[in-house]
């Protein structure tokens, strides 16, 4: 009987851990599902406003 309760407790822990971990396995993002990002040009006034906040290093 003691062996059965130990096995039942281990099974309960395994099921609870699997139910927590299962959603993380299925939430992977596929690269094909991400939309293509278009490169928009900014107006000169917008660029002027953003210049103090932008830092370019190594052409990036």
N, C-alpha and C. Protein backbone atom coordinates (compact mmCIF):
# COMPACT_ATOMS: atom_id res chain seq x y z
N UNK A 1 0.83 -1.19 0.00
CA UNK A 1 0.00 0.00 0.00
C UNK A 1 0.88 1.26 0.00
N UNK A 2 1.99 1.21 0.75
CA UNK A 2 2.88 2.36 0.82
C UNK A 2 3.51 2.63 -0.55
N UNK A 3 3.84 1.56 -1.29
CA UNK A 3 4.41 1.69 -2.61
C UNK A 3 3.42 2.34 -3.57
N UNK A 4 2.13 1.96 -3.43
CA UNK A 4 1.09 2.51 -4.30
C UNK A 4 0.92 4.01 -4.07
N UNK A 5 0.92 4.44 -2.80
CA UNK A 5 0.74 5.88 -2.54
C UNK A 5 1.94 6.68 -3.01
N UNK A 6 3.14 6.11 -2.93
CA UNK A 6 4.31 6.80 -3.44
C UNK A 6 4.23 6.93 -4.96
N UNK A 7 3.80 5.88 -5.63
CA UNK A 7 3.65 5.90 -7.08
C UNK A 7 2.54 6.88 -7.49
N UNK A 8 1.46 6.91 -6.74
CA UNK A 8 0.36 7.84 -7.05
C UNK A 8 0.82 9.28 -6.87
N UNK A 9 1.60 9.56 -5.84
CA UNK A 9 2.11 10.90 -5.61
C UNK A 9 3.05 11.32 -6.73
N UNK A 10 3.92 10.41 -7.17
CA UNK A 10 4.83 10.72 -8.26
C UNK A 10 4.07 10.98 -9.56
N UNK A 11 3.03 10.20 -9.79
CA UNK A 11 2.22 10.39 -10.99
C UNK A 11 1.51 11.74 -10.95
N UNK A 12 0.99 12.12 -9.78
CA UNK A 12 0.30 13.40 -9.65
C UNK A 12 1.26 14.56 -9.90
N UNK A 13 2.49 14.45 -9.38
CA UNK A 13 3.48 15.50 -9.60
C UNK A 13 3.85 15.57 -11.08
N UNK A 14 4.03 14.43 -11.72
CA UNK A 14 4.40 14.40 -13.13
C UNK A 14 3.30 15.02 -14.00
N UNK A 15 2.05 14.72 -13.70
CA UNK A 15 0.94 15.28 -14.47
C UNK A 15 0.85 16.79 -14.27
N UNK A 16 1.04 17.25 -13.04
CA UNK A 16 0.96 18.69 -12.80
C UNK A 16 2.11 19.43 -13.47
N UNK A 17 3.31 18.86 -13.46
CA UNK A 17 4.44 19.49 -14.13
C UNK A 17 4.25 19.50 -15.64
N UNK A 18 3.69 18.43 -16.18
CA UNK A 18 3.45 18.38 -17.62
C UNK A 18 2.41 19.40 -18.03
N UNK A 19 1.38 19.59 -17.22
CA UNK A 19 0.34 20.55 -17.58
C UNK A 19 0.86 21.98 -17.53
N UNK A 20 1.86 22.24 -16.71
CA UNK A 20 2.47 23.57 -16.67
C UNK A 20 3.44 23.74 -17.83
N UNK A 21 4.18 22.71 -18.15
CA UNK A 21 5.21 22.80 -19.18
C UNK A 21 4.71 22.65 -20.60
N UNK A 22 3.59 22.01 -20.80
CA UNK A 22 3.09 21.76 -22.15
C UNK A 22 2.82 23.03 -22.94
N UNK A 23 2.21 24.06 -22.37
CA UNK A 23 1.98 25.27 -23.18
C UNK A 23 3.26 25.95 -23.65
N UNK A 24 4.35 25.80 -22.92
CA UNK A 24 5.59 26.45 -23.34
C UNK A 24 6.18 25.75 -24.56
N UNK A 25 5.91 24.48 -24.74
CA UNK A 25 6.43 23.77 -25.90
C UNK A 25 5.68 24.17 -27.17
N UNK A 26 4.43 24.54 -27.06
CA UNK A 26 3.63 24.83 -28.24
C UNK A 26 3.61 26.31 -28.58
N UNK A 27 4.28 27.16 -27.80
CA UNK A 27 4.21 28.59 -28.06
C UNK A 27 5.39 29.11 -28.88
N UNK A 28 6.09 28.24 -29.58
CA UNK A 28 7.22 28.67 -30.39
C UNK A 28 6.72 29.47 -31.59
N UNK A 29 7.44 30.50 -31.94
CA UNK A 29 7.06 31.36 -33.06
C UNK A 29 7.80 30.88 -34.30
N UNK A 30 7.07 30.68 -35.36
CA UNK A 30 7.66 30.27 -36.61
C UNK A 30 8.04 31.52 -37.41
N UNK A 31 9.20 31.52 -38.01
CA UNK A 31 9.65 32.68 -38.78
C UNK A 31 8.72 32.96 -39.95
N UNK A 32 8.10 31.93 -40.50
CA UNK A 32 7.22 32.13 -41.64
C UNK A 32 5.92 32.81 -41.24
N UNK A 33 5.58 32.80 -39.94
CA UNK A 33 4.33 33.41 -39.51
C UNK A 33 4.48 34.90 -39.19
N UNK A 34 5.71 35.40 -39.18
CA UNK A 34 5.94 36.81 -38.91
C UNK A 34 5.83 37.59 -40.21
N UNK A 35 5.09 38.67 -40.15
CA UNK A 35 4.89 39.49 -41.35
C UNK A 35 6.19 40.18 -41.75
N UNK A 36 6.33 40.41 -43.03
CA UNK A 36 7.49 41.15 -43.53
C UNK A 36 7.35 42.60 -43.11
N UNK A 37 8.43 43.16 -42.62
CA UNK A 37 8.43 44.55 -42.18
C UNK A 37 8.91 45.40 -43.34
N UNK A 38 8.12 46.41 -43.68
CA UNK A 38 8.54 47.30 -44.75
C UNK A 38 9.33 48.45 -44.16
N UNK A 39 10.25 48.95 -44.93
CA UNK A 39 11.09 50.04 -44.46
C UNK A 39 10.47 51.35 -44.93
N UNK A 40 9.92 52.11 -44.00
CA UNK A 40 9.30 53.39 -44.32
C UNK A 40 10.32 54.51 -44.13
N UNK A 41 10.17 55.55 -44.90
CA UNK A 41 11.04 56.70 -44.75
C UNK A 41 10.35 57.72 -43.85
N UNK A 42 11.13 58.40 -43.05
CA UNK A 42 10.61 59.42 -42.14
C UNK A 42 10.79 60.80 -42.76
N UNK A 43 9.88 61.67 -42.42
CA UNK A 43 10.01 63.05 -42.90
C UNK A 43 11.20 63.71 -42.20
N UNK A 44 11.68 64.78 -42.78
CA UNK A 44 12.83 65.48 -42.23
C UNK A 44 12.53 66.03 -40.85
N UNK A 45 11.32 66.52 -40.63
CA UNK A 45 10.97 67.07 -39.32
C UNK A 45 10.95 65.96 -38.25
N UNK A 46 10.48 64.79 -38.63
CA UNK A 46 10.47 63.67 -37.68
C UNK A 46 11.89 63.23 -37.37
N UNK A 47 12.74 63.18 -38.39
CA UNK A 47 14.14 62.81 -38.17
C UNK A 47 14.82 63.79 -37.23
N UNK A 48 14.53 65.08 -37.40
CA UNK A 48 15.13 66.11 -36.57
C UNK A 48 14.70 65.94 -35.11
N UNK A 49 13.44 65.58 -34.90
CA UNK A 49 12.94 65.39 -33.54
C UNK A 49 13.56 64.16 -32.88
N UNK A 50 13.84 63.14 -33.68
CA UNK A 50 14.36 61.88 -33.13
C UNK A 50 15.87 61.84 -32.97
N UNK A 51 16.58 62.72 -33.66
CA UNK A 51 18.05 62.71 -33.65
C UNK A 51 18.67 62.69 -32.25
N UNK A 52 18.18 63.46 -31.27
CA UNK A 52 18.82 63.42 -29.95
C UNK A 52 18.71 62.06 -29.26
N UNK A 53 17.78 61.23 -29.68
CA UNK A 53 17.54 59.95 -29.02
C UNK A 53 18.15 58.76 -29.76
N UNK A 54 18.74 58.99 -30.91
CA UNK A 54 19.27 57.90 -31.74
C UNK A 54 20.79 57.94 -31.73
N UNK A 55 21.41 56.77 -31.53
CA UNK A 55 22.86 56.66 -31.55
C UNK A 55 23.24 55.55 -32.53
N UNK A 56 24.10 55.87 -33.48
CA UNK A 56 24.52 54.90 -34.49
C UNK A 56 25.95 54.47 -34.19
N UNK A 57 26.13 53.16 -34.09
CA UNK A 57 27.46 52.59 -33.88
C UNK A 57 27.70 51.48 -34.89
N UNK A 58 28.83 51.51 -35.54
CA UNK A 58 29.20 50.48 -36.51
C UNK A 58 28.14 50.35 -37.61
N UNK A 59 27.63 51.48 -38.06
CA UNK A 59 26.64 51.55 -39.13
C UNK A 59 25.36 50.78 -38.79
N UNK A 60 25.02 50.70 -37.53
CA UNK A 60 23.78 50.02 -37.12
C UNK A 60 23.03 50.90 -36.16
